[in-house]
């Protein structure tokens, strides 16, 4: 579990570093405008580390049907938020929709798992 969480944090750190220096990595000045959206986008996807870990626990506990139902509801909620927020806020609406959807998904998965597992050295 610790290894899985460390890999997620390393990827998260790499993405933030890449986002701050995207124009240097890609050697093109037209990507400079992406730096304003990159950090919120990475933060919106940050809950995926926990979501993937909890999904693996649910698959191990053989609760795939519940997992599929939650993901179907998530897709419907995300489509609704995209439909409402993108015309109003543009790309920030898409980032906000993804972030809210991922946080909601993580909370639902947390309550679906009976035995709460916390990262520790024990």
Protein backbone atom coordinates (compact mmCIF):
# COMPACT_ATOMS: atom_id res chain seq x y z
CA UNK A 1 0.00 0.00 0.00
CA UNK A 2 2.81 2.40 0.87
CA UNK A 3 4.51 1.64 -2.46
CA UNK A 4 1.28 2.41 -4.36
CA UNK A 5 0.83 5.72 -2.53
CA UNK A 6 4.48 6.69 -3.06
CA UNK A 7 4.22 6.02 -6.79
CA UNK A 8 1.12 8.24 -6.95
CA UNK A 9 2.86 11.05 -5.08
CA UNK A 10 5.94 10.83 -7.30
CA UNK A 11 3.77 11.08 -10.42
CA UNK A 12 1.87 13.99 -8.87
CA UNK A 13 5.13 15.81 -8.09
CA UNK A 14 6.44 15.19 -11.60
CA UNK A 15 3.27 16.61 -13.14
CA UNK A 16 3.44 19.77 -11.04
CA UNK A 17 7.10 20.25 -11.95
CA UNK A 18 6.33 19.64 -15.62
CA UNK A 19 3.44 22.12 -15.49
CA UNK A 20 5.56 24.93 -14.10
CA UNK A 21 8.21 24.40 -16.80
CA UNK A 22 6.09 23.24 -19.74
CA UNK A 23 7.46 25.88 -22.10
CA UNK A 24 11.05 24.79 -21.35
CA UNK A 25 10.24 21.08 -21.86
CA UNK A 26 8.33 21.60 -25.11
CA UNK A 27 10.63 24.39 -26.42
CA UNK A 28 7.70 26.37 -27.78
CA UNK A 29 6.38 29.69 -26.52
CA UNK A 30 2.78 29.01 -27.57
CA UNK A 31 2.39 26.62 -24.59
CA UNK A 32 3.15 29.33 -22.01
CA UNK A 33 -0.59 29.96 -21.56
CA UNK A 34 -1.10 26.37 -20.38
CA UNK A 35 0.80 27.01 -17.15
CA UNK A 36 -2.18 28.89 -15.70
CA UNK A 37 -4.41 25.82 -16.16
CA UNK A 38 -1.92 23.08 -15.40
CA UNK A 39 -1.80 23.30 -11.59
CA UNK A 40 -5.62 23.34 -11.13
CA UNK A 41 -5.83 20.47 -13.59
CA UNK A 42 -3.29 18.40 -11.67
CA UNK A 43 -5.10 19.16 -8.41
CA UNK A 44 -8.40 18.09 -9.96
CA UNK A 45 -6.86 14.74 -10.87
CA UNK A 46 -5.02 14.31 -7.53
CA UNK A 47 -7.86 12.27 -5.92
CA UNK A 48 -7.29 9.60 -8.60
CA UNK A 49 -4.49 8.18 -6.42
CA UNK A 50 -6.98 7.38 -3.68
CA UNK A 51 -9.73 6.41 -6.11
CA UNK A 52 -7.54 3.83 -7.84
CA UNK A 53 -6.37 2.41 -4.52
CA UNK A 54 -9.92 2.11 -3.15
CA UNK A 55 -11.13 0.62 -6.44
CA UNK A 56 -8.45 -2.07 -6.15
CA UNK A 57 -9.68 -2.87 -2.63
CA UNK A 58 -13.28 -3.08 -3.88
CA UNK A 59 -12.26 -5.35 -6.75
CA UNK A 60 -10.35 -7.56 -4.29
CA UNK A 61 -13.48 -7.72 -2.08
CA UNK A 62 -15.48 -8.72 -5.20
CA UNK A 63 -17.77 -5.69 -5.20
CA UNK A 64 -17.43 -5.01 -8.91
CA UNK A 65 -21.18 -4.54 -9.44
CA UNK A 66 -21.30 -1.78 -6.81
CA UNK A 67 -18.22 -0.25 -8.38
CA UNK A 68 -19.87 -0.20 -11.81
CA UNK A 69 -23.02 1.41 -10.40
CA UNK A 70 -21.02 4.18 -8.74
CA UNK A 71 -19.06 4.82 -11.92
CA UNK A 72 -22.26 5.01 -13.97
CA UNK A 73 -23.66 7.59 -11.54
CA UNK A 74 -20.34 9.46 -11.71
CA UNK A 75 -20.52 9.63 -15.51
CA UNK A 76 -24.05 11.01 -15.37
CA UNK A 77 -23.09 13.63 -12.75
CA UNK A 78 -19.98 14.61 -14.71
CA UNK A 79 -21.91 15.00 -17.96
CA UNK A 80 -24.43 17.22 -16.19
CA UNK A 81 -21.72 19.37 -14.63
CA UNK A 82 -19.93 19.66 -17.98
CA UNK A 83 -23.19 20.73 -19.62
CA UNK A 84 -23.80 23.38 -16.95
CA UNK A 85 -20.33 24.68 -16.08
CA UNK A 86 -18.41 24.70 -19.38
CA UNK A 87 -20.64 27.29 -21.09
CA UNK A 88 -20.40 29.53 -18.01
CA UNK A 89 -16.75 29.12 -16.98
CA UNK A 90 -14.97 27.64 -20.01
CA UNK A 91 -11.96 25.45 -19.26
CA UNK A 92 -12.15 26.29 -15.56
CA UNK A 93 -15.64 24.78 -15.54
CA UNK A 94 -14.28 21.55 -16.98
CA UNK A 95 -11.49 21.45 -14.41
CA UNK A 96 -13.95 22.17 -11.59
CA UNK A 97 -16.31 19.45 -12.85
CA UNK A 98 -13.53 16.87 -12.94
CA UNK A 99 -12.31 17.86 -9.46
CA UNK A 100 -15.78 17.69 -7.89
CA UNK A 101 -16.49 14.38 -9.60
CA UNK A 102 -13.24 12.84 -8.38
CA UNK A 103 -13.76 14.05 -4.81
CA UNK A 104 -17.31 12.71 -4.82
CA UNK A 105 -16.08 9.40 -6.19
CA UNK A 106 -13.41 9.15 -3.49
CA UNK A 107 -15.91 9.83 -0.68
CA UNK A 108 -18.34 7.23 -2.03
CA UNK A 109 -15.59 4.62 -2.37
CA UNK A 110 -14.41 5.37 1.16
CA UNK A 111 -17.85 4.61 2.59
CA UNK A 112 -18.17 1.45 0.46
CA UNK A 113 -15.07 -0.10 2.05
CA UNK A 114 -15.87 -1.83 5.35
CA UNK A 115 -12.34 -2.02 6.79
CA UNK A 116 -10.72 1.37 6.59
CA UNK A 117 -7.04 1.05 5.70
CA UNK A 118 -4.71 3.89 6.60
CA UNK A 119 -1.11 4.13 5.46
CA UNK A 120 1.27 3.38 8.33
CA UNK A 121 4.48 1.54 9.10
CA UNK A 122 2.65 -0.99 11.33
